[in-house]
Amino acid sequence: MSEPNLPQPDSAVTASAMGRALHALTTLLPALGEGGHQLSISVERTDGMELSADLYVSVEPGAWRVDQSAEEYTRFFVLLTFSLEGTTVRDASLVAMTADAGTRVRGWDVQDGWLHPIARTELQKVTTSFPADDASPYTAGHAPVLPPPPEAKA
């Protein structure tokens, strides 16, 4: 069975979304703070196919490091880019899990080409579906508002 044809985004629109994805990561990681973080993106394409990717990063003062292969980083970045671009993605969310005296979970939904914080009460509902870990219980944390990139001037 052949795969359904998805709309082909305009290359300028895709380039703009790539810039927003890079800005999202460079804004998000310092906001999460020092330590190890697992970022998970879940995407539902317009054809109904669901995709996801995880990114493990370490944040240190003034720097961050991806703790996995280039292929895994690329998969995460592509899903984030096309989520922000929007023509091939119906729904997308990003969740950050940070292990520090428990596991703090923060999340963002993609709306109108940017990441918007998920309310703590909504996120608490999501964390109840995670496998229980008595040694490190999940706690829904406050997701910081991420400033969008400056709009390109015409």
N, C-alpha and C. Protein backbone atom coordinates (compact mmCIF):
# COMPACT_ATOMS: atom_id res chain seq x y z
N MET A 1 0.85 -1.17 0.00
CA MET A 1 0.00 0.00 0.00
C MET A 1 0.89 1.23 0.00
N SER A 2 0.62 2.16 -0.89
CA SER A 2 1.45 3.37 -0.97
C SER A 2 1.07 4.35 0.13
N GLU A 3 2.05 5.15 0.49
CA GLU A 3 1.84 6.14 1.54
C GLU A 3 1.07 7.32 0.96
N PRO A 4 0.11 7.89 1.72
CA PRO A 4 -0.65 9.02 1.19
C PRO A 4 0.26 10.23 0.94
N ASN A 5 -0.14 11.02 -0.04
CA ASN A 5 0.62 12.22 -0.36
C ASN A 5 0.25 13.34 0.60
N LEU A 6 1.25 13.90 1.25
CA LEU A 6 1.03 15.05 2.12
C LEU A 6 1.30 16.30 1.32
N PRO A 7 0.67 17.43 1.71
CA PRO A 7 0.98 18.67 1.01
C PRO A 7 2.46 18.99 1.15
N GLN A 8 3.05 19.54 0.13
CA GLN A 8 4.46 19.91 0.15
C GLN A 8 4.58 21.37 0.60
N PRO A 9 5.17 21.59 1.77
CA PRO A 9 5.31 22.97 2.24
C PRO A 9 6.24 23.77 1.33
N ASP A 10 5.98 25.04 1.25
CA ASP A 10 6.83 25.97 0.51
C ASP A 10 8.21 26.00 1.18
N SER A 11 9.28 26.04 0.40
CA SER A 11 10.62 26.00 0.98
C SER A 11 10.91 27.21 1.87
N ALA A 12 10.38 28.37 1.54
CA ALA A 12 10.60 29.56 2.38
C ALA A 12 9.87 29.40 3.71
N VAL A 13 8.70 28.80 3.68
CA VAL A 13 7.93 28.55 4.90
C VAL A 13 8.65 27.52 5.77
N THR A 14 9.20 26.50 5.14
CA THR A 14 9.95 25.48 5.87
C THR A 14 11.21 26.09 6.48
N ALA A 15 11.90 26.93 5.75
CA ALA A 15 13.10 27.58 6.28
C ALA A 15 12.75 28.45 7.48
N SER A 16 11.63 29.15 7.41
CA SER A 16 11.19 29.96 8.53
C SER A 16 10.87 29.08 9.74
N ALA A 17 10.22 27.95 9.51
CA ALA A 17 9.91 27.01 10.60
C ALA A 17 11.18 26.43 11.21
N MET A 18 12.19 26.17 10.38
CA MET A 18 13.47 25.67 10.91
C MET A 18 14.10 26.71 11.83
N GLY A 19 14.02 27.96 11.46
CA GLY A 19 14.53 29.02 12.31
C GLY A 19 13.78 29.09 13.63
N ARG A 20 12.45 28.92 13.57
CA ARG A 20 11.64 28.92 14.80
C ARG A 20 11.98 27.71 15.66
N ALA A 21 12.23 26.56 15.03
CA ALA A 21 12.57 25.35 15.79
C ALA A 21 13.90 25.55 16.51
N LEU A 22 14.87 26.11 15.83
CA LEU A 22 16.16 26.38 16.47
C LEU A 22 16.00 27.39 17.60
N HIS A 23 15.21 28.43 17.35
CA HIS A 23 14.94 29.43 18.39
C HIS A 23 14.23 28.78 19.58
N ALA A 24 13.30 27.88 19.30
CA ALA A 24 12.57 27.19 20.38
C ALA A 24 13.54 26.42 21.27
N LEU A 25 14.45 25.68 20.67
CA LEU A 25 15.40 24.91 21.47
C LEU A 25 16.35 25.81 22.24
N THR A 26 16.85 26.86 21.61
CA THR A 26 17.81 27.73 22.29
C THR A 26 17.12 28.58 23.36
N THR A 27 15.82 28.71 23.32
CA THR A 27 15.06 29.40 24.36
C THR A 27 14.62 28.43 25.45
N LEU A 28 14.18 27.24 25.03
CA LEU A 28 13.65 26.25 25.96
C LEU A 28 14.71 25.69 26.90
N LEU A 29 15.85 25.30 26.36
CA LEU A 29 16.84 24.61 27.18
C LEU A 29 17.35 25.44 28.34
N PRO A 30 17.71 26.70 28.16
CA PRO A 30 18.09 27.49 29.34
C PRO A 30 16.93 27.67 30.32
N ALA A 31 15.70 27.76 29.80
CA ALA A 31 14.53 27.91 30.68
C ALA A 31 14.31 26.67 31.54
N LEU A 32 14.71 25.50 31.05
CA LEU A 32 14.56 24.27 31.83
C LEU A 32 15.58 24.22 32.96
N GLY A 33 16.70 24.88 32.80
CA GLY A 33 17.71 24.92 33.84
C GLY A 33 18.75 23.83 33.68
N GLU A 34 19.76 23.90 34.55
CA GLU A 34 20.85 22.94 34.50
C GLU A 34 20.36 21.53 34.81
N GLY A 35 21.07 20.55 34.22
CA GLY A 35 20.76 19.15 34.48
C GLY A 35 20.42 18.40 33.21
N GLY A 36 19.96 17.18 33.40
CA GLY A 36 19.58 16.33 32.28
C GLY A 36 18.08 16.41 32.03
N HIS A 37 17.72 16.49 30.76
CA HIS A 37 16.31 16.63 30.39
C HIS A 37 15.99 15.67 29.25
N GLN A 38 14.79 15.09 29.30
CA GLN A 38 14.28 14.31 28.18
C GLN A 38 13.16 15.11 27.55
N LEU A 39 13.33 15.46 26.28
CA LEU A 39 12.29 16.15 25.53
C LEU A 39 11.60 15.12 24.64
N SER A 40 10.28 15.11 24.68
CA SER A 40 9.51 14.18 23.85
C SER A 40 8.53 14.99 23.03
N ILE A 41 8.55 14.77 21.72
CA ILE A 41 7.58 15.43 20.85
C ILE A 41 6.66 14.37 20.27
N SER A 42 5.37 14.67 20.31
CA SER A 42 4.34 13.78 19.75
C SER A 42 3.59 14.57 18.69
N VAL A 43 3.43 13.97 17.53
CA VAL A 43 2.87 14.65 16.38
C VAL A 43 1.80 13.77 15.75
N GLU A 44 0.69 14.40 15.36
CA GLU A 44 -0.29 13.72 14.52
C GLU A 44 -0.31 14.45 13.18
N ARG A 45 0.08 13.72 12.13
CA ARG A 45 0.08 14.32 10.80
C ARG A 45 -1.34 14.50 10.30
N THR A 46 -1.49 15.27 9.24
CA THR A 46 -2.81 15.52 8.67
C THR A 46 -3.43 14.26 8.07
N ASP A 47 -2.61 13.24 7.78
CA ASP A 47 -3.14 11.97 7.26
C ASP A 47 -3.47 10.99 8.39
N GLY A 48 -3.35 11.45 9.66
CA GLY A 48 -3.68 10.62 10.80
C GLY A 48 -2.52 9.82 11.38
N MET A 49 -1.39 9.77 10.70
CA MET A 49 -0.25 9.02 11.21
C MET A 49 0.33 9.74 12.43
N GLU A 50 0.62 8.96 13.48
CA GLU A 50 1.21 9.52 14.69
C GLU A 50 2.69 9.20 14.73
N LEU A 51 3.49 10.21 15.05
CA LEU A 51 4.94 10.08 15.12
C LEU A 51 5.43 10.69 16.43
N SER A 52 6.57 10.23 16.88
CA SER A 52 7.17 10.82 18.08
C SER A 52 8.68 10.67 18.03
N ALA A 53 9.33 11.47 18.84
CA ALA A 53 10.79 11.39 18.96
C ALA A 53 11.18 11.94 20.33
N ASP A 54 12.26 11.41 20.84
CA ASP A 54 12.81 11.86 22.12
C ASP A 54 14.18 12.47 21.89
N LEU A 55 14.50 13.44 22.73
CA LEU A 55 15.81 14.08 22.68
C LEU A 55 16.30 14.19 24.12
N TYR A 56 17.49 13.66 24.37
CA TYR A 56 18.10 13.73 25.69
C TYR A 56 19.19 14.78 25.65
N VAL A 57 19.07 15.78 26.53
CA VAL A 57 20.04 16.87 26.54
C VAL A 57 20.54 17.13 27.95
N SER A 58 21.76 17.61 28.01
CA SER A 58 22.35 18.07 29.26
C SER A 58 22.56 19.57 29.13
N VAL A 59 22.11 20.30 30.14
CA VAL A 59 22.25 21.75 30.14
C VAL A 59 23.23 22.14 31.23
N GLU A 60 24.22 22.92 30.83
CA GLU A 60 25.24 23.43 31.74
C GLU A 60 25.25 24.95 31.58
N PRO A 61 25.88 25.67 32.50
CA PRO A 61 25.91 27.13 32.35
C PRO A 61 26.46 27.55 30.98
N GLY A 62 25.63 28.22 30.21
CA GLY A 62 26.06 28.74 28.92
C GLY A 62 26.17 27.73 27.80
N ALA A 63 25.80 26.47 28.03
CA ALA A 63 25.94 25.46 26.97
C ALA A 63 24.94 24.33 27.17
N TRP A 64 24.66 23.62 26.07
CA TRP A 64 23.85 22.40 26.15
C TRP A 64 24.42 21.38 25.19
N ARG A 65 24.18 20.11 25.53
CA ARG A 65 24.74 19.01 24.75
C ARG A 65 23.65 17.97 24.51
N VAL A 66 23.55 17.51 23.28
CA VAL A 66 22.63 16.43 22.93
C VAL A 66 23.33 15.12 23.28
N ASP A 67 22.63 14.29 24.04
CA ASP A 67 23.22 13.03 24.52
C ASP A 67 22.74 11.83 23.70
N GLN A 68 22.70 11.97 22.38
CA GLN A 68 22.33 10.86 21.51
C GLN A 68 22.85 11.12 20.11
N SER A 69 22.53 10.22 19.21
CA SER A 69 23.11 10.29 17.87
C SER A 69 22.55 11.45 17.04
N ALA A 70 23.30 11.78 16.00
CA ALA A 70 22.88 12.84 15.07
C ALA A 70 21.55 12.47 14.41
N GLU A 71 21.35 11.18 14.11
CA GLU A 71 20.09 10.74 13.48
C GLU A 71 18.90 10.97 14.40
N GLU A 72 19.06 10.69 15.69
CA GLU A 72 17.96 10.89 16.64
C GLU A 72 17.68 12.38 16.83
N TYR A 73 18.74 13.18 16.89
CA TYR A 73 18.55 14.64 16.98
C TYR A 73 17.82 15.14 15.73
N THR A 74 18.25 14.68 14.57
CA THR A 74 17.64 15.12 13.32
C THR A 74 16.16 14.76 13.28
N ARG A 75 15.80 13.54 13.69
CA ARG A 75 14.38 13.14 13.71
C ARG A 75 13.58 14.09 14.61
N PHE A 76 14.10 14.37 15.81
CA PHE A 76 13.41 15.28 16.73
C PHE A 76 13.26 16.66 16.09
N PHE A 77 14.34 17.19 15.53
CA PHE A 77 14.34 18.52 14.95
C PHE A 77 13.38 18.62 13.76
N VAL A 78 13.34 17.59 12.94
CA VAL A 78 12.42 17.58 11.79
C VAL A 78 10.97 17.59 12.27
N LEU A 79 10.65 16.77 13.27
CA LEU A 79 9.27 16.76 13.79
C LEU A 79 8.91 18.12 14.39
N LEU A 80 9.84 18.73 15.12
CA LEU A 80 9.58 20.05 15.69
C LEU A 80 9.39 21.08 14.57
N THR A 81 10.25 21.04 13.57
CA THR A 81 10.15 21.98 12.45
C THR A 81 8.81 21.88 11.76
N PHE A 82 8.40 20.67 11.39
CA PHE A 82 7.14 20.53 10.65
C PHE A 82 5.93 20.75 11.54
N SER A 83 6.08 20.57 12.85
CA SER A 83 5.00 20.92 13.77
C SER A 83 4.79 22.43 13.78
N LEU A 84 5.88 23.17 13.81
CA LEU A 84 5.79 24.63 13.80
C LEU A 84 5.36 25.16 12.44
N GLU A 85 5.74 24.45 11.37
CA GLU A 85 5.37 24.85 10.01
C GLU A 85 3.87 24.68 9.79
N GLY A 86 3.32 23.54 10.20
CA GLY A 86 1.88 23.37 10.29
C GLY A 86 1.10 22.79 9.14
N THR A 87 1.59 22.76 7.91
CA THR A 87 0.73 22.28 6.82
C THR A 87 0.58 20.76 6.80
N THR A 88 1.52 20.03 7.37
CA THR A 88 1.45 18.57 7.35
C THR A 88 1.15 17.97 8.72
N VAL A 89 0.98 18.83 9.73
CA VAL A 89 0.76 18.36 11.10
C VAL A 89 -0.55 18.94 11.64
N ARG A 90 -1.39 18.05 12.15
CA ARG A 90 -2.68 18.46 12.71
C ARG A 90 -2.55 18.85 14.18
N ASP A 91 -1.74 18.09 14.93
CA ASP A 91 -1.64 18.30 16.37
C ASP A 91 -0.23 17.92 16.81
N ALA A 92 0.34 18.71 17.73
CA ALA A 92 1.69 18.40 18.23
C ALA A 92 1.85 18.96 19.63
N SER A 93 2.61 18.21 20.44
CA SER A 93 2.95 18.69 21.78
C SER A 93 4.36 18.26 22.12
N LEU A 94 4.97 19.04 22.99
CA LEU A 94 6.33 18.76 23.44
C LEU A 94 6.29 18.69 24.96
N VAL A 95 6.90 17.63 25.52
CA VAL A 95 6.95 17.44 26.96
C VAL A 95 8.41 17.34 27.37
N ALA A 96 8.76 18.04 28.44
CA ALA A 96 10.11 17.99 29.01
C ALA A 96 10.03 17.32 30.37
N MET A 97 10.87 16.31 30.57
CA MET A 97 10.95 15.63 31.86
C MET A 97 12.34 15.86 32.43
N THR A 98 12.38 16.33 33.67
CA THR A 98 13.63 16.64 34.35
C THR A 98 13.66 15.88 35.66
N ALA A 99 14.69 15.06 35.85
CA ALA A 99 14.82 14.30 37.10
C ALA A 99 15.60 15.14 38.10
N ASP A 100 14.90 15.59 39.12
CA ASP A 100 15.52 16.32 40.23
C ASP A 100 14.56 16.23 41.42
N ALA A 101 14.88 15.38 42.37
CA ALA A 101 14.01 15.14 43.52
C ALA A 101 12.61 14.77 43.03
N GLY A 102 12.54 13.77 42.20
CA GLY A 102 11.31 13.39 41.51
C GLY A 102 11.49 13.72 40.05
N THR A 103 10.48 13.53 39.27
CA THR A 103 10.56 13.88 37.85
C THR A 103 9.57 14.99 37.58
N ARG A 104 10.11 16.16 37.26
CA ARG A 104 9.28 17.31 36.94
C ARG A 104 8.94 17.25 35.46
N VAL A 105 7.66 17.41 35.16
CA VAL A 105 7.17 17.34 33.79
C VAL A 105 6.56 18.69 33.43
N ARG A 106 7.00 19.22 32.29
CA ARG A 106 6.44 20.46 31.77
C ARG A 106 6.10 20.25 30.31
N GLY A 107 5.08 20.94 29.81
CA GLY A 107 4.67 20.69 28.44
C GLY A 107 4.18 21.92 27.70
N TRP A 108 4.26 21.80 26.37
CA TRP A 108 3.83 22.86 25.47
C TRP A 108 3.07 22.25 24.31
N ASP A 109 2.00 22.92 23.88
CA ASP A 109 1.28 22.55 22.66
C ASP A 109 1.74 23.48 21.55
N VAL A 110 1.75 22.96 20.33
CA VAL A 110 2.05 23.81 19.18
C VAL A 110 0.74 24.40 18.69
N GLN A 111 0.70 25.73 18.67
CA GLN A 111 -0.46 26.47 18.18
C GLN A 111 0.04 27.68 17.41
N ASP A 112 -0.52 27.89 16.25
CA ASP A 112 -0.17 29.06 15.44
C ASP A 112 1.34 29.22 15.24
N GLY A 113 2.02 28.10 15.02
CA GLY A 113 3.43 28.13 14.68
C GLY A 113 4.38 28.36 15.84
N TRP A 114 3.91 28.18 17.10
CA TRP A 114 4.79 28.37 18.24
C TRP A 114 4.38 27.46 19.39
N LEU A 115 5.28 27.33 20.38
CA LEU A 115 5.04 26.50 21.56
C LEU A 115 4.35 27.32 22.65
N HIS A 116 3.21 26.82 23.13
CA HIS A 116 2.44 27.49 24.18
C HIS A 116 2.32 26.55 25.37
N PRO A 117 2.55 27.06 26.60
CA PRO A 117 2.53 26.19 27.78
C PRO A 117 1.21 25.46 27.95
N ILE A 118 1.31 24.21 28.36
CA ILE A 118 0.13 23.42 28.73
C ILE A 118 -0.14 23.72 30.20
N ALA A 119 -1.40 23.96 30.54
CA ALA A 119 -1.77 24.25 31.92
C ALA A 119 -1.37 23.09 32.82
N ARG A 120 -0.95 23.41 34.01
CA ARG A 120 -0.49 22.39 34.97
C ARG A 120 -1.56 21.33 35.22
N THR A 121 -2.83 21.74 35.30
CA THR A 121 -3.91 20.76 35.55
C THR A 121 -4.05 19.79 34.37
N GLU A 122 -3.90 20.30 33.15
CA GLU A 122 -3.98 19.42 31.98
C GLU A 122 -2.78 18.48 31.94
N LEU A 123 -1.63 19.01 32.28
CA LEU A 123 -0.41 18.21 32.27
C LEU A 123 -0.47 17.12 33.35
N GLN A 124 -1.08 17.43 34.48
CA GLN A 124 -1.21 16.43 35.55
C GLN A 124 -2.03 15.23 35.05
N LYS A 125 -3.04 15.50 34.23
CA LYS A 125 -3.84 14.40 33.65
C LYS A 125 -2.97 13.52 32.75
N VAL A 126 -2.07 14.16 32.00
CA VAL A 126 -1.18 13.42 31.10
C VAL A 126 -0.22 12.54 31.91
N THR A 127 0.32 13.08 33.00
CA THR A 127 1.33 12.33 33.76
C THR A 127 0.73 11.08 34.41
N THR A 128 -0.58 11.04 34.62
CA THR A 128 -1.18 9.84 35.21
C THR A 128 -1.12 8.65 34.25
N SER A 129 -0.90 8.93 32.96
CA SER A 129 -0.78 7.84 31.99
C SER A 129 0.64 7.31 31.89
N PHE A 130 1.62 8.00 32.51
CA PHE A 130 3.01 7.53 32.49
C PHE A 130 3.15 6.34 33.43
N PRO A 131 4.07 5.42 33.13
CA PRO A 131 4.30 4.30 34.03
C PRO A 131 4.73 4.79 35.41
N ALA A 132 4.18 4.19 36.44
CA ALA A 132 4.50 4.61 37.81
C ALA A 132 5.95 4.29 38.14
N ASP A 133 6.58 5.23 38.83
CA ASP A 133 7.95 5.04 39.30
C ASP A 133 7.99 5.60 40.72
N ASP A 134 7.83 4.71 41.70
CA ASP A 134 7.78 5.15 43.10
C ASP A 134 9.05 5.87 43.53
N ALA A 135 10.18 5.52 42.94
CA ALA A 135 11.45 6.14 43.32
C ALA A 135 11.54 7.57 42.80
N SER A 136 10.81 7.89 41.75
CA SER A 136 10.87 9.22 41.15
C SER A 136 9.48 9.60 40.63
N PRO A 137 8.56 10.01 41.52
CA PRO A 137 7.20 10.31 41.09
C PRO A 137 7.16 11.52 40.15
N TYR A 138 6.18 11.50 39.25
CA TYR A 138 6.01 12.60 38.30
C TYR A 138 5.27 13.75 38.96
N THR A 139 5.76 14.96 38.72
CA THR A 139 5.12 16.17 39.22
C THR A 139 4.97 17.12 38.06
N ALA A 140 3.73 17.55 37.81
CA ALA A 140 3.51 18.54 36.75
C ALA A 140 4.04 19.88 37.21
N GLY A 141 4.93 20.45 36.43
CA GLY A 141 5.54 21.73 36.77
C GLY A 141 5.02 22.83 35.87
N HIS A 142 5.38 24.03 36.23
CA HIS A 142 5.01 25.21 35.46
C HIS A 142 5.87 25.28 34.20
N ALA A 143 5.24 25.29 33.05
CA ALA A 143 5.97 25.42 31.79
C ALA A 143 6.15 26.91 31.50
N PRO A 144 7.40 27.35 31.37
CA PRO A 144 7.60 28.77 31.11
C PRO A 144 7.09 29.18 29.73
N VAL A 145 6.63 30.41 29.65
CA VAL A 145 6.25 30.98 28.35
C VAL A 145 7.55 31.24 27.60
N LEU A 146 7.62 30.73 26.40
CA LEU A 146 8.82 30.91 25.59
C LEU A 146 8.60 32.07 24.62
N PRO A 147 9.47 33.07 24.66
CA PRO A 147 9.28 34.20 23.76
C PRO A 147 9.47 33.76 22.30
N PRO A 148 8.53 34.10 21.45
CA PRO A 148 8.68 33.73 20.04
C PRO A 148 9.83 34.52 19.42
N PRO A 149 10.35 34.01 18.31
CA PRO A 149 11.43 34.75 17.64
C PRO A 149 10.89 36.05 17.07
N PRO A 150 11.76 37.03 16.92
CA PRO A 150 11.31 38.27 16.29
C PRO A 150 10.85 37.97 14.85
N GLU A 151 9.79 38.61 14.46
CA GLU A 151 9.28 38.40 13.11
C GLU A 151 10.25 38.97 12.08
N ALA A 152 10.40 38.24 10.99
CA ALA A 152 11.28 38.70 9.91
C ALA A 152 10.67 39.97 9.30
N LYS A 153 11.50 40.91 9.05
CA LYS A 153 11.03 42.17 8.45
C LYS A 153 11.02 42.03 6.93
N ALA A 154 9.94 42.53 6.35
CA ALA A 154 9.79 42.43 4.90
C ALA A 154 10.63 43.46 4.19
